[in-house]
């Protein structure tokens, strides 16, 4: 898995045997994750999980090996979007993620509990520990892109992910509403504290297309994602419409049947930005 000592104050004189670096678990020794990308919104309801899912689908179609770590423990939706019915397995080396029909590896608490609608009534530290274990105790195998679907806000889980996982870049998801952009700016400022790299900003639900006249209708106001990205010094990845077909397929667990040139374009930009990052060691 990717690892970096760049945050260590002694990195310039490091001998490679720093005692503060935790020993790899058996699951990590059997895994090689090349790129870790966190999808973050700050605010709920902007379509972060849908964006995560479709980004994974598009990356998979481009020929990359993809995994999704569902870090939204109290509100997991990734398994349902992909129509996963089985449970995560376990063997002597760690947890085995569930594969989608298209081969995307997925881990989520909803793949471990008896019923998908059972509530998770846990305190923040317990949730954060589980998310860390999704990184250390899951046998991911060979993965080109591991996408982390973060919960809304700037609390325990995003902090734990920033501090304990080698996140290569962030994709920020927002919508045209001024309220959404205000909350998203909080998430951007939080990420800046941890010196995160931004792969770009996606403006979701920017418009809906009339099925008859094909006119764009801006339900939530005039899109301002490009200006918001520029104001925060973040690359702009593009805008996405409200598409009832995507909603229908996601509700029926068939998101991999959806195809969008817009998502493919965003995925290509993410790949390009990931390839431009400074090279890191992988283990």
Protein backbone atom coordinates (compact mmCIF):
# COMPACT_ATOMS: atom_id res chain seq x y z
CA UNK A 1 0.00 0.00 0.00
CA UNK A 2 1.08 3.58 -0.52
CA UNK A 3 3.11 5.10 2.25
CA UNK A 4 4.82 8.42 2.81
CA UNK A 5 7.13 9.91 5.42
CA UNK A 6 6.77 13.43 4.05
CA UNK A 7 5.01 14.67 7.19
CA UNK A 8 7.82 13.53 9.49
CA UNK A 9 10.10 16.27 10.82
CA UNK A 10 13.10 13.95 10.46
CA UNK A 11 12.39 12.85 6.89
CA UNK A 12 15.54 14.52 5.52
CA UNK A 13 17.77 12.34 7.68
CA UNK A 14 15.56 9.25 7.80
CA UNK A 15 17.34 5.89 7.75
CA UNK A 16 14.19 4.03 6.79
CA UNK A 17 13.77 2.38 10.17
CA UNK A 18 11.70 4.98 12.00
CA UNK A 19 10.05 3.35 15.05
CA UNK A 20 6.97 5.58 14.66
CA UNK A 21 5.99 3.85 11.42
CA UNK A 22 3.56 1.02 12.33
CA UNK A 23 4.35 -2.48 11.19
CA UNK A 24 2.28 -3.63 8.25
CA UNK A 25 -0.59 -5.98 8.99
CA UNK A 26 -0.91 -9.29 7.16
CA UNK A 27 -3.69 -7.78 5.04
CA UNK A 28 -1.49 -4.84 4.04
CA UNK A 29 1.37 -7.14 3.10
CA UNK A 30 -0.98 -8.83 0.63
CA UNK A 31 -2.22 -5.53 -0.80
CA UNK A 32 -0.83 -2.93 -3.15
CA UNK A 33 -2.92 0.21 -3.49
CA UNK A 34 -1.38 2.69 -5.90
CA UNK A 35 -3.69 5.69 -5.43
CA UNK A 36 -6.00 6.62 -2.54
CA UNK A 37 -8.60 9.27 -3.35
CA UNK A 38 -11.08 10.62 -0.80
CA UNK A 39 -14.40 12.00 -2.02
CA UNK A 40 -15.51 14.78 0.31
CA UNK A 41 -18.40 17.21 0.43
CA UNK A 42 -18.67 18.72 3.88
CA UNK A 43 -22.44 18.86 3.37
CA UNK A 44 -24.79 15.91 3.02
CA UNK A 45 -27.27 15.57 0.20
CA UNK A 46 -25.08 16.79 -2.67
CA UNK A 47 -24.66 13.36 -4.26
CA UNK A 48 -21.24 12.42 -2.89
CA UNK A 49 -21.92 8.67 -2.84
CA UNK A 50 -23.39 8.78 -6.34
CA UNK A 51 -20.31 10.65 -7.55
CA UNK A 52 -18.05 8.14 -5.81
CA UNK A 53 -19.91 5.24 -7.40
CA UNK A 54 -19.89 6.64 -10.91
CA UNK A 55 -16.26 7.70 -10.66
CA UNK A 56 -15.45 4.11 -9.69
CA UNK A 57 -17.52 2.77 -12.59
CA UNK A 58 -15.84 5.10 -15.10
CA UNK A 59 -12.33 4.29 -13.80
CA UNK A 60 -13.19 0.60 -14.04
CA UNK A 61 -14.34 1.06 -17.65
CA UNK A 62 -11.03 2.76 -18.40
CA UNK A 63 -9.32 -0.47 -17.42
CA UNK A 64 -8.18 0.37 -13.89
CA UNK A 65 -8.55 -1.89 -10.87
CA UNK A 66 -10.84 -0.05 -8.47
CA UNK A 67 -11.97 -0.35 -4.88
CA UNK A 68 -14.39 1.64 -2.72
CA UNK A 69 -13.95 2.08 1.03
CA UNK A 70 -17.32 3.20 2.38
CA UNK A 71 -16.35 5.43 5.31
CA UNK A 72 -19.89 6.77 5.77
CA UNK A 73 -20.51 4.21 8.51
CA UNK A 74 -23.80 5.57 9.88
CA UNK A 75 -25.27 6.26 6.45
CA UNK A 76 -23.77 3.71 4.06
CA UNK A 77 -25.32 3.59 0.61
CA UNK A 78 -22.59 2.16 -1.63
CA UNK A 79 -23.65 -1.53 -1.29
CA UNK A 80 -27.25 -0.73 -2.28
CA UNK A 81 -26.15 1.40 -5.23
CA UNK A 82 -24.18 -1.58 -6.57
CA UNK A 83 -26.84 -4.13 -5.65
CA UNK A 84 -24.58 -6.14 -3.36
CA UNK A 85 -26.39 -8.88 -1.43
CA UNK A 86 -23.52 -10.98 -0.09
CA UNK A 87 -21.50 -10.29 3.04
CA UNK A 88 -17.82 -9.49 3.33
CA UNK A 89 -15.78 -12.60 3.94
CA UNK A 90 -12.85 -13.28 6.23
CA UNK A 91 -9.77 -15.46 6.11
CA UNK A 92 -6.64 -15.82 8.20
CA UNK A 93 -5.02 -12.70 6.77
CA UNK A 94 -7.97 -10.32 6.97
CA UNK A 95 -11.33 -9.21 5.62
CA UNK A 96 -12.22 -9.96 2.00
CA UNK A 97 -14.15 -7.18 0.22
CA UNK A 98 -17.21 -7.94 -1.88
CA UNK A 99 -16.89 -7.59 -5.64
CA UNK A 100 -19.51 -5.87 -7.77
CA UNK A 101 -20.66 -7.41 -11.05
CA UNK A 102 -18.04 -5.28 -12.81
CA UNK A 103 -15.24 -6.35 -10.49
CA UNK A 104 -15.07 -3.29 -8.22
CA UNK A 105 -13.97 -4.29 -4.70
CA UNK A 106 -16.17 -2.78 -1.98
CA UNK A 107 -16.07 -2.75 1.80
CA UNK A 108 -18.81 -1.23 3.94
CA UNK A 109 -20.34 -1.84 7.34
CA UNK A 110 -23.58 -2.68 5.53
CA UNK A 111 -21.77 -5.72 4.15
CA UNK A 112 -21.23 -6.94 7.71
CA UNK A 113 -24.57 -6.44 9.48
CA UNK A 114 -27.64 -8.70 9.22
CA UNK A 115 -30.02 -6.13 7.71
CA UNK A 116 -29.14 -3.15 5.53
CA UNK A 117 -31.54 -0.87 7.40
CA UNK A 118 -30.26 -1.70 10.90
CA UNK A 119 -29.10 1.55 12.56
CA UNK A 120 -25.50 2.02 13.65
CA UNK A 121 -25.65 3.67 17.06
CA UNK A 122 -21.95 4.15 17.76
CA UNK A 123 -19.82 6.92 19.18
CA UNK A 124 -17.35 8.71 16.94
CA UNK A 125 -14.17 6.99 18.19
CA UNK A 126 -15.64 3.53 17.52
CA UNK A 127 -16.64 4.56 14.00
CA UNK A 128 -13.19 6.02 13.34
CA UNK A 129 -11.53 2.81 14.50
CA UNK A 130 -13.68 0.74 12.13
CA UNK A 131 -12.75 2.98 9.20
CA UNK A 132 -9.06 2.57 10.06
CA UNK A 133 -9.55 -1.20 10.09
CA UNK A 134 -11.09 -1.00 6.62
CA UNK A 135 -7.62 0.19 5.60
CA UNK A 136 -5.41 -2.03 7.75
CA UNK A 137 -7.42 -5.26 7.94
CA UNK A 138 -8.93 -5.61 4.46
CA UNK A 139 -7.07 -7.64 1.86
CA UNK A 140 -7.44 -5.25 -1.07
CA UNK A 141 -4.96 -7.01 -3.33
CA UNK A 142 -3.87 -5.10 -6.43
CA UNK A 143 -5.76 -1.80 -6.66
CA UNK A 144 -5.01 1.14 -8.96
CA UNK A 145 -7.56 3.50 -7.37
CA UNK A 146 -9.10 3.14 -3.93
CA UNK A 147 -11.93 5.65 -3.48
CA UNK A 148 -12.94 6.61 0.06
CA UNK A 149 -16.55 7.76 0.36
CA UNK A 150 -16.32 10.13 3.34
CA UNK A 151 -19.31 11.09 5.50
CA UNK A 152 -20.45 14.73 5.51
CA UNK A 153 -18.78 17.21 7.81
CA UNK A 154 -15.31 17.72 9.21
CA UNK A 155 -15.53 15.43 12.24
CA UNK A 156 -13.94 12.22 13.49
CA UNK A 157 -13.90 10.14 10.32
CA UNK A 158 -12.46 12.73 7.88
CA UNK A 159 -9.85 13.63 10.51
CA UNK A 160 -8.93 9.96 11.03
CA UNK A 161 -8.68 9.36 7.29
CA UNK A 162 -6.43 12.41 6.80
CA UNK A 163 -4.21 11.42 9.70
CA UNK A 164 -3.94 7.66 9.31
CA UNK A 165 -4.25 6.90 5.60
CA UNK A 166 -1.96 7.89 2.70
CA UNK A 167 -4.55 9.99 0.86
CA UNK A 168 -3.06 11.08 -2.46
CA UNK A 169 -5.82 13.49 -3.39
CA UNK A 170 -9.31 14.79 -2.70
CA UNK A 171 -12.31 15.20 -4.98
CA UNK A 172 -14.71 17.81 -3.60
CA UNK A 173 -18.42 17.51 -4.44
CA UNK A 174 -20.80 20.47 -4.21
CA UNK A 175 -24.06 21.72 -5.71
CA UNK A 176 -25.23 25.15 -6.93
CA UNK A 177 -26.89 26.15 -3.64
CA UNK A 178 -25.05 28.89 -1.76
CA UNK A 179 -25.57 26.95 1.48
CA UNK A 180 -23.82 23.91 0.01
CA UNK A 181 -20.90 25.99 -1.18
CA UNK A 182 -20.55 27.65 2.22
CA UNK A 183 -20.33 24.28 3.99
CA UNK A 184 -18.03 22.85 1.32
CA UNK A 185 -15.62 25.73 1.93
CA UNK A 186 -15.37 24.50 5.53
CA UNK A 187 -14.31 21.09 4.24
CA UNK A 188 -11.76 22.67 1.90
CA UNK A 189 -10.26 24.70 4.74
CA UNK A 190 -10.14 21.60 6.93
CA UNK A 191 -8.32 19.69 4.17
CA UNK A 192 -5.87 22.56 3.76
CA UNK A 193 -4.91 22.20 7.44
CA UNK A 194 -3.74 18.67 6.60
CA UNK A 195 -1.99 19.94 3.44
CA UNK A 196 -4.17 17.76 1.22
CA UNK A 197 -3.82 17.69 -2.54
CA UNK A 198 -7.01 18.57 -4.41
CA UNK A 199 -7.65 16.66 -7.61
CA UNK A 200 -10.61 18.91 -8.28
CA UNK A 201 -14.16 20.03 -7.60
CA UNK A 202 -17.30 18.49 -9.10
CA UNK A 203 -20.56 20.46 -9.17
CA UNK A 204 -23.39 17.96 -8.95
CA UNK A 205 -27.11 18.56 -9.63
CA UNK A 206 -26.18 21.62 -11.67
CA UNK A 207 -29.22 21.34 -13.93
CA UNK A 208 -31.89 19.04 -15.32
CA UNK A 209 -32.57 18.65 -19.01
CA UNK A 210 -36.17 18.89 -20.19
CA UNK A 211 -37.01 15.57 -21.90
CA UNK A 212 -39.11 17.34 -24.53
CA UNK A 213 -37.34 20.57 -25.50
CA UNK A 214 -33.86 19.65 -24.14
CA UNK A 215 -33.63 23.00 -22.40
CA UNK A 216 -31.40 23.15 -19.31
CA UNK A 217 -33.34 24.02 -16.16
CA UNK A 218 -31.25 25.19 -13.22
CA UNK A 219 -33.42 24.00 -10.34
CA UNK A 220 -31.03 24.92 -7.53
CA UNK A 221 -29.88 28.24 -8.96
CA UNK A 222 -27.16 29.30 -11.32
CA UNK A 223 -24.20 26.90 -11.20
CA UNK A 224 -21.13 28.49 -9.63
CA UNK A 225 -18.82 25.50 -9.29
CA UNK A 226 -16.18 26.81 -11.66
CA UNK A 227 -16.01 30.13 -9.80
CA UNK A 228 -15.99 28.33 -6.44
CA UNK A 229 -13.10 26.15 -7.55
CA UNK A 230 -11.13 29.15 -8.80
CA UNK A 231 -11.77 31.09 -5.58
CA UNK A 232 -10.32 28.19 -3.56
CA UNK A 233 -7.44 27.45 -5.91
CA UNK A 234 -8.81 24.02 -6.83
CA UNK A 235 -8.98 22.48 -10.32
CA UNK A 236 -12.48 22.38 -11.77
CA UNK A 237 -13.49 18.90 -12.93
CA UNK A 238 -16.92 19.74 -14.35
CA UNK A 239 -20.64 19.79 -13.63
CA UNK A 240 -23.18 17.00 -13.58
CA UNK A 241 -26.93 17.09 -14.19
CA UNK A 242 -29.80 15.59 -12.25
CA UNK A 243 -30.52 12.42 -14.21
CA UNK A 244 -33.59 10.35 -13.25
CA UNK A 245 -32.05 7.37 -15.06
CA UNK A 246 -29.06 7.36 -12.69
CA UNK A 247 -31.42 7.57 -9.72
CA UNK A 248 -33.50 4.67 -11.02
CA UNK A 249 -30.50 2.43 -11.66
CA UNK A 250 -28.92 3.29 -8.29
CA UNK A 251 -32.15 2.51 -6.46
CA UNK A 252 -32.23 -0.87 -8.20
CA UNK A 253 -28.57 -1.66 -7.54
CA UNK A 254 -27.62 -1.41 -11.19
CA UNK A 255 -25.40 1.67 -11.25
CA UNK A 256 -22.84 -0.13 -13.42
CA UNK A 257 -25.38 -0.14 -16.27
CA UNK A 258 -25.33 3.66 -16.35
CA UNK A 259 -23.00 5.36 -18.79
CA UNK A 260 -22.14 9.04 -18.93
CA UNK A 261 -19.54 10.79 -21.07
CA UNK A 262 -19.46 13.50 -18.39
CA UNK A 263 -18.37 11.02 -15.72
CA UNK A 264 -15.84 9.49 -18.10
CA UNK A 265 -14.35 12.95 -18.68
CA UNK A 266 -14.11 13.59 -14.92
CA UNK A 267 -12.51 10.19 -14.39
CA UNK A 268 -9.92 10.94 -17.10
CA UNK A 269 -9.07 14.24 -15.41
CA UNK A 270 -8.66 12.48 -12.05
CA UNK A 271 -6.31 9.96 -13.66
CA UNK A 272 -4.29 12.75 -15.22
CA UNK A 273 -3.95 14.59 -11.91
CA UNK A 274 -3.03 11.40 -10.05
CA UNK A 275 -0.26 10.76 -12.57
CA UNK A 276 1.10 14.24 -12.00
CA UNK A 277 1.55 13.74 -8.26
CA UNK A 278 5.00 13.24 -6.79
CA UNK A 279 6.00 9.56 -6.93
CA UNK A 280 5.72 7.67 -3.65
CA UNK A 281 6.98 4.31 -2.51
CA UNK A 282 4.52 1.44 -2.51
CA UNK A 283 4.70 -1.65 -0.37
